[in-house]
C-alpha atoms as a PDB file:
ATOM      1  CA  MET A   1      -0.521  39.197  10.624  1.00  0.00           C
ATOM      2  CA  GLU A   2      -1.139  38.122   7.367  1.00  0.00           C
ATOM      3  CA  THR A   3       1.310  35.039   7.538  1.00  0.00           C
ATOM      4  CA  GLU A   4      -0.370  33.973  10.936  1.00  0.00           C
ATOM      5  CA  ILE A   5      -3.812  33.958   9.062  1.00  0.00           C
ATOM      6  CA  LEU A   6      -2.743  32.057   6.244  1.00  0.00           C
ATOM      7  CA  ASN A   7      -0.798  29.511   8.409  1.00  0.00           C
ATOM      8  CA  ASP A   8      -3.661  28.786  10.508  1.00  0.00           C
ATOM      9  CA  LEU A   9      -5.783  28.569   7.495  1.00  0.00           C
ATOM     10  CA  GLU A  10      -3.425  25.605   6.158  1.00  0.00           C
ATOM     11  CA  ASN A  11      -3.510  23.938   9.619  1.00  0.00           C
ATOM     12  CA  ASN A  12      -7.100  23.782   9.393  1.00  0.00           C
ATOM     13  CA  LEU A  13      -7.198  22.630   5.960  1.00  0.00           C
ATOM     14  CA  LYS A  14      -4.701  19.847   6.826  1.00  0.00           C
ATOM     15  CA  LYS A  15      -7.037  18.734   9.719  1.00  0.00           C
ATOM     16  CA  SER A  16      -9.852  18.746   7.299  1.00  0.00           C
ATOM     17  CA  ILE A  17      -7.976  16.440   5.271  1.00  0.00           C
ATOM     18  CA  GLU A  18      -6.910  14.242   8.219  1.00  0.00           C
ATOM     19  CA  SER A  19     -10.707  14.056   9.285  1.00  0.00           C
ATOM     20  CA  LEU A  20     -11.603  12.954   5.855  1.00  0.00           C
ATOM     21  CA  ASP A  21      -8.971  10.435   5.591  1.00  0.00           C
ATOM     22  CA  GLY A  22     -10.316   9.062   9.204  1.00  0.00           C
ATOM     23  CA  ARG A  23     -13.823   8.980   8.011  1.00  0.00           C
ATOM     24  CA  LEU A  24     -12.945   7.134   4.812  1.00  0.00           C
ATOM     25  CA  LYS A  25     -11.151   4.385   6.429  1.00  0.00           C
ATOM     26  CA  LYS A  26     -14.239   3.516   7.997  1.00  0.00           C
ATOM     27  CA  ILE A  27     -16.001   2.811   4.954  1.00  0.00           C
ATOM     28  CA  SER A  28     -15.327  -1.013   4.289  1.00  0.00           C
ATOM     29  CA  ALA A  29     -14.778  -2.144   0.728  1.00  0.00           C
ATOM     30  CA  GLY A  30     -15.729  -5.691   1.748  1.00  0.00           C
ATOM     31  CA  ARG A  31     -12.100  -6.576   3.162  1.00  0.00           C
ATOM     32  CA  ALA A  32     -11.249  -6.699   6.655  1.00  0.00           C
ATOM     33  CA  ASN A  33      -9.904  -3.590   8.206  1.00  0.00           C
ATOM     34  CA  PRO A  34      -9.353  -2.845  11.704  1.00  0.00           C
ATOM     35  CA  ALA A  35     -10.216   0.833  11.450  1.00  0.00           C
ATOM     36  CA  ILE A  36     -13.701  -0.130  10.980  1.00  0.00           C
ATOM     37  CA  LEU A  37     -13.875  -0.871  14.833  1.00  0.00           C
ATOM     38  CA  ASP A  38     -12.308   2.400  15.801  1.00  0.00           C
ATOM     39  CA  SER A  39     -15.530   4.052  17.168  1.00  0.00           C
ATOM     40  CA  VAL A  40     -16.508   1.028  19.160  1.00  0.00           C
ATOM     41  CA  MET A  41     -16.609   1.677  22.836  1.00  0.00           C
ATOM     42  CA  VAL A  42     -17.005  -0.773  25.581  1.00  0.00           C
ATOM     43  CA  ASP A  43     -18.380  -0.755  28.630  1.00  0.00           C
ATOM     44  CA  TYR A  44     -15.370  -2.151  30.893  1.00  0.00           C
ATOM     45  CA  TYR A  45     -15.908  -2.098  34.548  1.00  0.00           C
ATOM     46  CA  GLY A  46     -18.271   0.579  34.301  1.00  0.00           C
ATOM     47  CA  SER A  47     -16.264   3.134  32.045  1.00  0.00           C
ATOM     48  CA  PRO A  48     -16.522   3.401  28.295  1.00  0.00           C
ATOM     49  CA  THR A  49     -12.968   2.214  26.921  1.00  0.00           C
ATOM     50  CA  PRO A  50     -12.114   2.137  23.405  1.00  0.00           C
ATOM     51  CA  LEU A  51     -12.133  -1.366  21.954  1.00  0.00           C
ATOM     52  CA  LYS A  52      -8.680  -0.980  20.494  1.00  0.00           C
ATOM     53  CA  SER A  53      -7.264  -1.103  23.912  1.00  0.00           C
ATOM     54  CA  LEU A  54      -8.941  -4.072  25.029  1.00  0.00           C
ATOM     55  CA  VAL A  55      -8.215  -6.442  22.504  1.00  0.00           C
ATOM     56  CA  THR A  56      -5.421  -7.572  19.673  1.00  0.00           C
ATOM     57  CA  ILE A  57      -7.054  -7.420  16.243  1.00  0.00           C
ATOM     58  CA  SER A  58      -5.538  -9.562  13.692  1.00  0.00           C
ATOM     59  CA  ILE A  59      -6.698 -10.362   9.960  1.00  0.00           C
ATOM     60  CA  PRO A  60      -6.319 -14.327   9.663  1.00  0.00           C
ATOM     61  CA  GLU A  61      -8.385 -14.328   6.071  1.00  0.00           C
ATOM     62  CA  ALA A  62      -9.109 -11.223   3.718  1.00  0.00           C
ATOM     63  CA  ARG A  63     -12.634 -10.910   4.938  1.00  0.00           C
ATOM     64  CA  GLN A  64     -12.282 -11.892   8.642  1.00  0.00           C
ATOM     65  CA  LEU A  65     -11.246 -10.017  11.731  1.00  0.00           C
ATOM     66  CA  MET A  66     -10.169 -11.795  14.701  1.00  0.00           C
ATOM     67  CA  LEU A  67     -10.202  -9.918  18.285  1.00  0.00           C
ATOM     68  CA  LYS A  68      -8.616 -11.445  21.176  1.00  0.00           C
ATOM     69  CA  PRO A  69      -9.179  -9.863  24.229  1.00  0.00           C
ATOM     70  CA  PHE A  70      -6.387  -9.254  27.072  1.00  0.00           C
ATOM     71  CA  ASP A  71      -9.128 -10.088  29.616  1.00  0.00           C
ATOM     72  CA  LYS A  72     -11.274 -13.096  28.556  1.00  0.00           C
ATOM     73  CA  SER A  73     -14.044 -12.171  31.267  1.00  0.00           C
ATOM     74  CA  SER A  74     -14.856  -8.931  28.915  1.00  0.00           C
ATOM     75  CA  LEU A  75     -15.818 -11.140  25.879  1.00  0.00           C
ATOM     76  CA  SER A  76     -19.517 -10.747  26.214  1.00  0.00           C
ATOM     77  CA  ASN A  77     -19.058  -6.818  27.023  1.00  0.00           C
ATOM     78  CA  ILE A  78     -17.153  -6.625  23.624  1.00  0.00           C
ATOM     79  CA  GLU A  79     -19.627  -8.492  21.638  1.00  0.00           C
ATOM     80  CA  LYS A  80     -22.482  -6.480  22.886  1.00  0.00           C
ATOM     81  CA  ALA A  81     -20.373  -3.305  22.319  1.00  0.00           C
ATOM     82  CA  ILE A  82     -19.985  -4.477  18.443  1.00  0.00           C
ATOM     83  CA  PHE A  83     -23.676  -5.163  18.189  1.00  0.00           C
ATOM     84  CA  GLU A  84     -24.755  -1.820  19.741  1.00  0.00           C
ATOM     85  CA  ALA A  85     -22.370   0.268  17.157  1.00  0.00           C
ATOM     86  CA  ASP A  86     -24.535  -1.237  14.472  1.00  0.00           C
ATOM     87  CA  LEU A  87     -21.816  -1.564  11.906  1.00  0.00           C
ATOM     88  CA  GLY A  88     -23.648  -4.170  10.075  1.00  0.00           C
ATOM     89  CA  TYR A  89     -21.348  -7.008  11.216  1.00  0.00           C
ATOM     90  CA  THR A  90     -21.978 -10.163  13.500  1.00  0.00           C
ATOM     91  CA  PRO A  91     -19.476 -10.996  16.041  1.00  0.00           C
ATOM     92  CA  ASN A  92     -18.991 -14.831  16.659  1.00  0.00           C
ATOM     93  CA  ASN A  93     -17.595 -15.497  20.164  1.00  0.00           C
ATOM     94  CA  ASP A  94     -16.028 -18.671  20.395  1.00  0.00           C
ATOM     95  CA  GLY A  95     -14.950 -18.418  24.321  1.00  0.00           C
ATOM     96  CA  GLU A  96     -11.386 -17.675  23.261  1.00  0.00           C
ATOM     97  CA  CYS A  97     -11.815 -14.691  20.860  1.00  0.00           C
ATOM     98  CA  ILE A  98     -14.395 -12.825  18.654  1.00  0.00           C
ATOM     99  CA  ARG A  99     -14.444 -13.092  14.988  1.00  0.00           C
ATOM    100  CA  ILE A 100     -16.280 -10.889  12.488  1.00  0.00           C
ATOM    101  CA  ILE A 101     -16.872 -12.139   8.829  1.00  0.00           C
ATOM    102  CA  ILE A 102     -17.205  -9.093   6.664  1.00  0.00           C
ATOM    103  CA  PRO A 103     -19.686  -9.982   3.959  1.00  0.00           C
ATOM    104  CA  ALA A 104     -19.204  -9.666   0.412  1.00  0.00           C
ATOM    105  CA  LEU A 105     -20.560  -6.541  -0.882  1.00  0.00           C
ATOM    106  CA  THR A 106     -23.418  -6.534  -3.516  1.00  0.00           C
ATOM    107  CA  GLU A 107     -23.624  -4.069  -6.278  1.00  0.00           C
ATOM    108  CA  GLU A 108     -26.498  -2.255  -4.536  1.00  0.00           C
ATOM    109  CA  ARG A 109     -24.281  -1.845  -1.150  1.00  0.00           C
ATOM    110  CA  ARG A 110     -21.247  -0.833  -3.432  1.00  0.00           C
ATOM    111  CA  ARG A 111     -23.395   1.874  -4.545  1.00  0.00           C
ATOM    112  CA  GLU A 112     -24.602   2.840  -1.140  1.00  0.00           C
ATOM    113  CA  LEU A 113     -21.244   3.019   0.163  1.00  0.00           C
ATOM    114  CA  VAL A 114     -20.002   5.156  -2.670  1.00  0.00           C
ATOM    115  CA  LYS A 115     -22.791   7.756  -1.790  1.00  0.00           C
ATOM    116  CA  GLN A 116     -21.636   7.653   1.750  1.00  0.00           C
ATOM    117  CA  ALA A 117     -18.098   8.345   0.869  1.00  0.00           C
ATOM    118  CA  LYS A 118     -19.492  11.273  -1.562  1.00  0.00           C
ATOM    119  CA  ALA A 119     -21.244  12.769   1.514  1.00  0.00           C
ATOM    120  CA  ILE A 120     -18.434  12.527   3.884  1.00  0.00           C
ATOM    121  CA  CYS A 121     -16.172  14.422   1.031  1.00  0.00           C
ATOM    122  CA  GLU A 122     -18.894  17.148   0.558  1.00  0.00           C
ATOM    123  CA  ASP A 123     -18.720  17.599   4.377  1.00  0.00           C
ATOM    124  CA  SER A 124     -15.070  18.086   4.159  1.00  0.00           C
ATOM    125  CA  LYS A 125     -15.546  20.636   1.261  1.00  0.00           C
ATOM    126  CA  VAL A 126     -18.110  22.491   3.487  1.00  0.00           C
ATOM    127  CA  SER A 127     -15.443  22.530   6.188  1.00  0.00           C
ATOM    128  CA  ILE A 128     -12.824  23.952   3.814  1.00  0.00           C
ATOM    129  CA  ARG A 129     -15.175  26.666   2.709  1.00  0.00           C
ATOM    130  CA  ASN A 130     -16.038  27.750   5.959  1.00  0.00           C
ATOM    131  CA  ASN A 131     -12.099  27.806   6.775  1.00  0.00           C
ATOM    132  CA  ARG A 132     -11.971  30.168   3.699  1.00  0.00           C
ATOM    133  CA  HIS A 133     -14.707  32.542   4.772  1.00  0.00           C
ATOM    134  CA  ASP A 134     -13.139  32.694   8.200  1.00  0.00           C
ATOM    135  CA  ALA A 135      -9.652  33.470   6.837  1.00  0.00           C
ATOM    136  CA  ILE A 136     -11.036  36.054   4.588  1.00  0.00           C
ATOM    137  CA  GLU A 137     -13.073  37.571   7.435  1.00  0.00           C
ATOM    138  CA  MET A 138      -9.735  37.707   9.515  1.00  0.00           C
ATOM    139  CA  LEU A 139      -7.964  39.327   6.546  1.00  0.00           C
ATOM    140  CA  LYS A 140     -10.532  42.173   6.321  1.00  0.00           C
ATOM    141  CA  ASP A 141     -10.442  42.691  10.049  1.00  0.00           C
ATOM    142  CA  ALA A 142      -6.633  43.201  10.156  1.00  0.00           C
ATOM    143  CA  ASP A 143      -6.685  46.410   8.269  1.00  0.00           C
ATOM    144  CA  LEU A 144      -4.204  45.463   5.880  1.00  0.00           C
ATOM    145  CA  PRO A 145      -3.512  47.870   2.859  1.00  0.00           C
ATOM    146  CA  GLU A 146      -6.034  46.869  -0.313  1.00  0.00           C
ATOM    147  CA  ASP A 147      -3.196  45.240  -2.142  1.00  0.00           C
ATOM    148  CA  VAL A 148      -1.819  43.104   0.382  1.00  0.00           C
ATOM    149  CA  GLU A 149      -5.514  41.886   1.456  1.00  0.00           C
ATOM    150  CA  LYS A 150      -6.343  41.052  -2.424  1.00  0.00           C
ATOM    151  CA  ARG A 151      -3.074  39.139  -2.408  1.00  0.00           C
ATOM    152  CA  SER A 152      -3.699  37.271   0.605  1.00  0.00           C
ATOM    153  CA  GLU A 153      -7.349  36.545  -0.367  1.00  0.00           C
ATOM    154  CA  GLU A 154      -5.809  34.994  -3.769  1.00  0.00           C
ATOM    155  CA  ARG A 155      -3.414  32.766  -1.630  1.00  0.00           C
ATOM    156  CA  VAL A 156      -6.365  31.889   0.432  1.00  0.00           C
ATOM    157  CA  GLN A 157      -8.337  30.755  -2.597  1.00  0.00           C
ATOM    158  CA  GLU A 158      -5.221  28.933  -4.062  1.00  0.00           C
ATOM    159  CA  SER A 159      -4.950  26.978  -0.690  1.00  0.00           C
ATOM    160  CA  VAL A 160      -8.683  26.188  -0.827  1.00  0.00           C
ATOM    161  CA  ASN A 161      -8.206  25.060  -4.305  1.00  0.00           C
ATOM    162  CA  LYS A 162      -5.396  22.889  -3.754  1.00  0.00           C
ATOM    163  CA  TYR A 163      -7.078  21.215  -0.761  1.00  0.00           C
ATOM    164  CA  ASN A 164     -10.598  20.847  -2.639  1.00  0.00           C
ATOM    165  CA  LYS A 165      -8.410  18.979  -5.368  1.00  0.00           C
ATOM    166  CA  ILE A 166      -7.030  16.833  -2.488  1.00  0.00           C
ATOM    167  CA  VAL A 167     -10.667  16.046  -1.496  1.00  0.00           C
ATOM    168  CA  ASP A 168     -11.827  15.224  -4.975  1.00  0.00           C
ATOM    169  CA  GLU A 169      -8.968  12.660  -5.334  1.00  0.00           C
ATOM    170  CA  LYS A 170      -9.450  11.073  -2.231  1.00  0.00           C
ATOM    171  CA  LEU A 171     -13.112  10.437  -3.574  1.00  0.00           C
ATOM    172  CA  GLU A 172     -12.256   9.385  -6.968  1.00  0.00           C
ATOM    173  CA  GLU A 173      -9.652   6.755  -5.074  1.00  0.00           C
ATOM    174  CA  LYS A 174     -12.347   5.426  -2.761  1.00  0.00           C
ATOM    175  CA  THR A 175     -14.914   5.196  -5.583  1.00  0.00           C
ATOM    176  CA  LYS A 176     -12.552   3.081  -7.487  1.00  0.00           C
ATOM    177  CA  ASP A 177     -11.714   1.080  -4.317  1.00  0.00           C
ATOM    178  CA  LEU A 178     -15.506   0.353  -3.527  1.00  0.00           C
ATOM    179  CA  MET A 179     -16.677  -0.308  -7.445  1.00  0.00           C
ATOM    180  CA  THR A 180     -13.713  -3.115  -7.652  1.00  0.00           C
ATOM    181  CA  VAL A 181     -14.828  -6.263  -7.375  1.00  0.00           C
END
């Protein structure tokens, strides 16, 4: 029972870190990154479809994304979806493909993005704390001997500390990435 609870905790903490990675990738550091378009959904023949499944995304220059649709008739829908996603980018449609120019970041915008990254990391830490709370509650409900329960709680805290440290490292890495001109 104890090992099951600890394994579940470890899996949940790994999922928190994976979620953190995905959310941090969406914060652009002034360079073209296809991951910034992951959340864009296009109305394609009446059904919402992920942008990634409708286009080939390439990076012809460091600050430019080029989206070449498989079906040229969907160009206007793709362009509209990018506008509606409110990512802060203006798509340019040339009839063949859509180009998105990633603007250079100002110092103020960099600081704003660092604040976003800090908020995302804090959300991850809250998730980690909630997982710790749930694991400790399950250990208490498992009617384990007192010494086993204490040892398990210490293991839970060790795992939480390890994953909090990972979150801090990712924040430091992202901050450095964002503040580098």
